[in-house]
N, C-alpha and C. Protein backbone atom coordinates (compact mmCIF):
# COMPACT_ATOMS: atom_id res chain seq x y z
N UNK A 1 7.75 -6.75 13.86
CA UNK A 1 6.12 -6.40 14.31
C UNK A 1 5.53 -7.56 13.90
N UNK A 2 4.69 -8.80 14.76
CA UNK A 2 4.17 -9.91 14.31
C UNK A 2 2.41 -9.97 14.36
N UNK A 3 1.65 -11.14 13.87
CA UNK A 3 0.94 -11.30 13.91
C UNK A 3 0.90 -12.36 13.27
N UNK A 4 -0.24 -13.11 14.14
CA UNK A 4 -0.99 -14.74 14.18
C UNK A 4 -2.19 -14.77 14.85
N UNK A 5 -3.06 -15.80 13.87
CA UNK A 5 -4.32 -15.63 14.40
C UNK A 5 -3.86 -16.55 15.73
N UNK A 6 -2.73 -17.30 15.86
CA UNK A 6 -2.60 -18.32 16.71
C UNK A 6 -2.36 -16.98 18.06
N UNK A 7 -2.36 -16.58 18.61
CA UNK A 7 -2.19 -16.11 20.01
C UNK A 7 -0.39 -15.72 20.83
N UNK A 8 -1.15 -17.71 20.81
CA UNK A 8 0.28 -17.65 21.40
C UNK A 8 1.71 -17.88 20.78
N UNK A 9 1.42 -17.99 19.42
CA UNK A 9 2.93 -17.83 18.63
C UNK A 9 3.35 -16.46 18.54
N UNK A 10 2.22 -15.64 18.89
CA UNK A 10 2.56 -13.70 18.83
C UNK A 10 2.99 -13.83 20.14
N UNK A 11 2.79 -14.17 20.79
CA UNK A 11 3.58 -13.67 22.61
C UNK A 11 4.47 -15.16 22.56
N UNK A 12 4.49 -16.12 21.91
CA UNK A 12 6.27 -16.62 22.06
C UNK A 12 7.39 -16.10 21.48
N UNK A 13 6.72 -14.54 20.60
CA UNK A 13 7.56 -14.10 19.74
C UNK A 13 8.20 -12.63 20.82
N UNK A 14 7.22 -12.77 21.16
CA UNK A 14 6.97 -11.37 21.45
C UNK A 14 7.89 -11.43 22.82
N UNK A 15 7.92 -12.38 23.10
CA UNK A 15 9.04 -12.60 24.64
C UNK A 15 10.33 -12.42 23.61
N UNK A 16 10.56 -12.81 22.66
CA UNK A 16 12.00 -12.71 22.27
C UNK A 16 12.35 -10.91 21.42
N UNK A 17 11.45 -10.36 21.26
CA UNK A 17 11.64 -9.12 21.04
C UNK A 17 10.26 -8.35 20.26
N UNK A 18 10.11 -9.43 19.53
CA UNK A 18 8.91 -8.95 18.19
C UNK A 18 7.72 -8.29 19.04
N UNK A 19 7.45 -6.84 18.25
CA UNK A 19 5.80 -6.53 18.94
C UNK A 19 4.56 -7.23 18.12
N UNK A 20 4.11 -7.48 19.59
CA UNK A 20 2.70 -7.72 18.62
C UNK A 20 2.16 -6.98 17.98
N UNK A 21 1.00 -7.24 16.79
CA UNK A 21 0.26 -6.25 16.24
C UNK A 21 -1.22 -7.31 16.52
N UNK A 22 -2.06 -6.04 16.02
CA UNK A 22 -3.68 -6.40 16.58
C UNK A 22 -4.35 -7.41 15.14
N UNK A 23 -3.64 -7.14 13.82
CA UNK A 23 -3.68 -8.03 12.64
C UNK A 23 -2.60 -7.49 11.31
N UNK A 24 -2.79 -7.74 10.57
CA UNK A 24 -1.65 -8.45 9.53
C UNK A 24 -1.64 -6.96 8.59
N UNK A 25 -2.70 -6.11 8.61
CA UNK A 25 -3.11 -5.18 7.81
C UNK A 25 -1.90 -3.93 8.40
N UNK A 26 -1.89 -4.07 10.06
CA UNK A 26 -1.09 -2.70 10.92
C UNK A 26 -0.16 -3.03 10.67
N UNK A 27 0.84 -4.13 10.92
CA UNK A 27 2.36 -4.06 10.12
C UNK A 27 2.48 -3.80 8.82
N UNK A 28 1.61 -4.33 7.82
CA UNK A 28 1.60 -4.76 6.70
C UNK A 28 2.28 -3.01 6.28
N UNK A 29 1.39 -1.95 6.61
CA UNK A 29 1.25 -0.76 6.71
C UNK A 29 2.26 0.19 6.80
N UNK A 30 3.65 -0.26 7.89
CA UNK A 30 4.53 0.31 8.48
C UNK A 30 5.63 -0.96 7.97
N UNK A 31 6.02 -1.55 6.70
CA UNK A 31 6.99 -1.61 6.65
C UNK A 31 7.99 -1.62 4.71
N UNK A 32 8.84 -1.91 5.03
CA UNK A 32 9.51 -1.66 3.34
C UNK A 32 9.44 -3.28 3.36
N UNK A 33 9.67 -4.10 4.01
CA UNK A 33 9.43 -5.80 3.49
C UNK A 33 8.90 -6.39 4.44
N UNK A 34 7.42 -7.20 3.49
CA UNK A 34 6.27 -7.86 4.07
C UNK A 34 6.98 -9.41 4.00
N UNK A 35 7.01 -10.53 4.41
CA UNK A 35 7.13 -11.62 4.63
C UNK A 35 5.70 -12.59 5.14
N UNK A 36 5.48 -13.69 4.17
CA UNK A 36 4.00 -13.93 4.56
C UNK A 36 4.56 -15.11 4.24
N UNK A 37 3.81 -16.69 5.62
CA UNK A 37 4.35 -17.62 5.41
C UNK A 37 2.84 -18.34 5.99
N UNK A 38 2.12 -19.16 4.82
CA UNK A 38 1.30 -19.15 5.39
C UNK A 38 0.99 -20.84 5.31
N UNK A 39 -0.37 -21.21 5.85
CA UNK A 39 -0.70 -23.06 5.12
C UNK A 39 -0.80 -23.33 4.38
N UNK A 40 -1.60 -22.49 3.26
CA UNK A 40 -1.72 -22.48 1.72
C UNK A 40 -1.94 -21.69 1.04
N UNK A 41 -2.73 -22.38 0.28
CA UNK A 41 -3.60 -21.92 -0.85
C UNK A 41 -4.95 -20.99 -0.60
N UNK A 42 -5.74 -21.74 0.32
CA UNK A 42 -6.97 -21.27 0.72
C UNK A 42 -6.66 -19.76 1.43
N UNK A 43 -5.52 -20.37 2.55
CA UNK A 43 -5.32 -19.24 3.59
C UNK A 43 -4.33 -17.76 2.51
N UNK A 44 -3.71 -17.94 1.84
CA UNK A 44 -3.18 -17.21 1.00
C UNK A 44 -4.09 -16.22 0.36
N UNK A 45 -4.87 -17.24 -0.41
CA UNK A 45 -6.15 -16.30 -0.69
C UNK A 45 -7.21 -15.54 0.13
N UNK A 46 -7.34 -15.11 1.23
CA UNK A 46 -8.44 -14.66 2.04
C UNK A 46 -7.27 -13.87 2.83
N UNK A 47 -6.60 -13.92 3.24
CA UNK A 47 -5.28 -13.16 3.59
C UNK A 47 -4.70 -12.32 2.79
N UNK A 48 -4.11 -12.37 1.78
CA UNK A 48 -3.20 -11.55 1.41
C UNK A 48 -3.71 -10.44 0.72
N UNK A 49 -4.66 -10.72 0.26
CA UNK A 49 -5.04 -9.20 -0.87
C UNK A 49 -5.15 -8.15 0.14
N UNK A 50 -5.41 -8.50 1.88
CA UNK A 50 -5.67 -6.92 2.18
C UNK A 50 -4.04 -6.23 2.98
N UNK A 51 -3.04 -7.01 2.81
CA UNK A 51 -1.94 -7.26 3.18
C UNK A 51 -1.46 -6.19 1.94
N UNK A 52 -1.54 -6.80 0.66
CA UNK A 52 -1.14 -6.04 -0.01
C UNK A 52 -1.78 -4.74 -0.09
N UNK A 53 -2.68 -4.37 -0.41
CA UNK A 53 -3.45 -3.31 -0.20
C UNK A 53 -2.63 -1.98 0.78
N UNK A 54 -2.73 -2.70 2.01
CA UNK A 54 -2.40 -1.71 2.91
C UNK A 54 -0.52 -1.74 2.77
N UNK A 55 0.18 -2.13 2.07
CA UNK A 55 1.61 -2.05 1.87
C UNK A 55 1.83 -0.77 1.17
N UNK A 56 2.55 -0.37 1.90
CA UNK A 56 3.20 1.44 1.16
C UNK A 56 3.66 1.09 -0.12
N UNK A 57 3.43 2.20 -0.98
CA UNK A 57 3.90 1.77 -2.12
C UNK A 57 5.29 1.98 -1.80
N UNK A 58 6.46 1.01 -2.93
CA UNK A 58 7.49 0.86 -3.24
C UNK A 58 7.89 -0.14 -2.50
N UNK A 59 7.43 -0.98 -1.24
CA UNK A 59 7.79 -2.21 -0.43
C UNK A 59 7.49 -3.00 -1.56
N UNK A 60 8.16 -3.96 -0.17
CA UNK A 60 8.84 -6.04 -1.10
C UNK A 60 7.40 -6.31 -0.18
N UNK A 61 7.16 -7.71 -1.44
CA UNK A 61 6.29 -8.67 -0.50
C UNK A 61 7.15 -9.93 -0.81
N UNK A 62 7.13 -10.94 0.23
CA UNK A 62 8.18 -11.97 -0.02
C UNK A 62 7.15 -12.96 0.45
N UNK A 63 6.42 -13.95 -0.34
CA UNK A 63 5.69 -15.00 0.01
C UNK A 63 6.57 -16.36 -0.46
N UNK A 64 6.65 -16.90 1.31
CA UNK A 64 6.97 -18.02 1.85
C UNK A 64 6.28 -18.97 2.03
N UNK A 65 4.67 -18.92 1.11
CA UNK A 65 4.05 -20.23 1.18
C UNK A 65 4.01 -20.79 0.03
N UNK A 66 3.80 -22.14 0.55
CA UNK A 66 3.60 -23.25 -0.95
C UNK A 66 2.33 -22.99 -1.28
N UNK A 67 2.24 -22.32 -2.71
CA UNK A 67 0.91 -22.19 -2.99
C UNK A 67 0.64 -23.08 -4.50
N UNK A 68 -0.21 -22.51 -4.78
CA UNK A 68 -0.07 -22.61 -6.58
C UNK A 68 0.12 -21.57 -7.29
N UNK A 69 0.94 -22.20 -8.54
CA UNK A 69 1.25 -20.93 -9.86
C UNK A 69 0.06 -19.85 -9.93
N UNK A 70 -0.99 -20.32 -10.57
CA UNK A 70 -2.13 -19.09 -10.46
C UNK A 70 -2.80 -18.51 -9.73
N UNK A 71 -2.56 -18.81 -8.01
CA UNK A 71 -2.61 -17.78 -7.63
C UNK A 71 -1.46 -16.99 -6.86
N UNK A 72 -0.01 -17.05 -6.93
CA UNK A 72 1.21 -16.72 -6.62
C UNK A 72 1.13 -15.46 -8.31
N UNK A 73 0.45 -16.09 -9.50
CA UNK A 73 0.25 -14.50 -10.49
C UNK A 73 -0.31 -13.85 -10.22
N UNK A 74 -1.99 -14.50 -9.89
CA UNK A 74 -2.51 -13.69 -9.26
C UNK A 74 -2.77 -12.40 -8.14
N UNK A 75 -1.69 -12.57 -7.49
CA UNK A 75 -1.95 -12.00 -6.00
C UNK A 75 0.09 -10.95 -6.35
N UNK A 76 0.70 -11.99 -7.31
CA UNK A 76 1.56 -10.61 -7.72
C UNK A 76 1.22 -10.14 -8.62
N UNK A 77 0.38 -9.60 -9.52
CA UNK A 77 -0.26 -8.98 -9.90
C UNK A 77 -0.94 -7.67 -9.47
N UNK A 78 -1.36 -8.15 -8.66
CA UNK A 78 -2.33 -7.28 -7.96
C UNK A 78 -1.02 -5.94 -6.99
N UNK A 79 -0.03 -6.90 -6.44
CA UNK A 79 0.58 -6.34 -5.73
C UNK A 79 1.14 -5.65 -6.39
N UNK A 80 1.52 -5.84 -8.16
CA UNK A 80 2.49 -4.43 -9.03
C UNK A 80 1.72 -3.57 -9.61
N UNK A 81 0.40 -3.37 -9.02
CA UNK A 81 -0.29 -2.42 -9.58
C UNK A 81 0.23 -1.07 -8.76
N UNK A 82 0.15 -1.16 -7.11
CA UNK A 82 0.53 -0.24 -6.45
C UNK A 82 2.10 0.49 -6.42
N UNK A 83 3.00 -0.47 -7.18
CA UNK A 83 4.28 -0.43 -6.90
C UNK A 83 4.87 -0.98 -6.45
N UNK A 84 3.94 -2.52 -5.86
CA UNK A 84 4.73 -3.17 -5.01
C UNK A 84 5.92 -4.37 -5.75
N UNK A 85 7.06 -4.42 -4.89
CA UNK A 85 7.88 -5.81 -5.65
C UNK A 85 7.30 -7.10 -5.25
N UNK A 86 6.44 -8.06 -5.86
CA UNK A 86 6.58 -9.25 -5.19
C UNK A 86 7.22 -10.06 -5.89
N UNK A 87 7.81 -10.99 -4.87
CA UNK A 87 9.25 -12.34 -4.60
C UNK A 87 8.24 -13.16 -4.60
N UNK A 88 8.27 -14.69 -4.95
CA UNK A 88 7.72 -15.56 -4.60
C UNK A 88 8.89 -16.97 -4.07
N UNK A 89 8.69 -17.05 -2.83
CA UNK A 89 9.84 -17.14 -2.01
C UNK A 89 9.53 -19.00 -1.76
N UNK A 90 9.16 -19.76 -1.92
CA UNK A 90 8.68 -21.12 -1.07
C UNK A 90 10.17 -21.83 -0.43
N UNK A 91 9.32 -22.40 0.86
CA UNK A 91 10.65 -23.03 1.05
C UNK A 91 10.32 -24.83 1.16
N UNK A 92 12.30 -25.35 1.27
CA UNK A 92 11.76 -27.08 1.17
C UNK A 92 12.10 -27.31 2.53
N UNK A 93 11.78 -28.87 3.15
CA UNK A 93 12.72 -29.07 4.10
C UNK A 93 11.65 -29.44 5.16
N UNK A 94 10.53 -29.52 5.64
CA UNK A 94 9.61 -29.60 6.03
C UNK A 94 10.35 -29.42 7.59
N UNK A 95 9.80 -29.91 8.71
CA UNK A 95 10.23 -29.69 9.96
C UNK A 95 11.18 -29.77 10.41
N UNK A 96 11.90 -31.01 10.16
CA UNK A 96 13.70 -31.08 10.42
C UNK A 96 14.22 -30.23 10.14
N UNK A 97 13.66 -30.11 8.52
CA UNK A 97 15.44 -29.09 8.14
C UNK A 97 14.96 -27.54 9.00
N UNK A 98 13.83 -26.96 9.01
CA UNK A 98 13.42 -26.17 10.02
C UNK A 98 14.35 -25.76 10.89
N UNK A 99 14.34 -26.84 12.38
CA UNK A 99 14.45 -27.00 13.47
C UNK A 99 16.33 -27.09 13.43
N UNK A 100 16.99 -26.96 12.17
CA UNK A 100 17.99 -27.39 12.21
C UNK A 100 18.66 -26.16 11.38
N UNK A 101 17.69 -25.82 10.80
CA UNK A 101 18.30 -23.89 10.40
C UNK A 101 18.77 -24.42 8.83
N UNK A 102 18.22 -25.82 8.13
CA UNK A 102 18.78 -25.70 6.96
C UNK A 102 17.24 -26.32 6.21
N UNK A 103 16.30 -25.64 6.52
CA UNK A 103 15.67 -24.64 4.99
C UNK A 103 16.26 -24.64 3.76
N UNK A 104 15.76 -25.03 2.50
CA UNK A 104 16.19 -24.48 1.24
C UNK A 104 15.00 -22.98 0.72
N UNK A 105 15.65 -22.61 0.07
CA UNK A 105 14.49 -21.37 -0.44
C UNK A 105 14.28 -21.09 -1.93
N UNK A 106 13.24 -21.43 -2.77
CA UNK A 106 13.33 -21.28 -3.84
C UNK A 106 12.74 -19.26 -4.32
N UNK A 107 13.81 -18.75 -5.04
CA UNK A 107 12.67 -17.80 -4.91
C UNK A 107 12.57 -16.95 -6.58
N UNK A 108 11.84 -16.36 -6.65
CA UNK A 108 11.33 -16.26 -8.28
C UNK A 108 10.67 -14.75 -8.55
N UNK A 109 10.85 -13.92 -9.59
CA UNK A 109 10.41 -12.76 -9.11
C UNK A 109 10.94 -11.89 -10.40
N UNK A 110 10.32 -10.27 -10.79
CA UNK A 110 11.25 -9.74 -11.76
C UNK A 110 12.46 -9.35 -11.10
N UNK A 111 13.57 -9.29 -12.39
CA UNK A 111 14.73 -9.46 -12.33
C UNK A 111 15.04 -7.84 -11.57
N UNK A 112 14.18 -6.73 -11.90
CA UNK A 112 14.99 -5.86 -10.72
C UNK A 112 14.34 -5.89 -9.09
């Protein structure tokens, strides 16, 4: 299930089998694992709190946004409240690496 403010992106993914959602909160409420990948800190601060609040207890949230440390800590702390595991997993490699399937992901979070 996918959501994006750019409906063309949702339509492209729907052609490959994804189910479009009318908001980010709808799929967040129905998943065990939520991946987020946003444009930057401003978009994360505006969007992710609502997604975290919609997640069911014991879900895993993996954020692939390149953002600042303080925001990551704030959002992970918020997610930890309702029993959500939070992982910070920004990617590097830019567009060329994405096109060739060679992105590098850095993952940080609790040991468990």
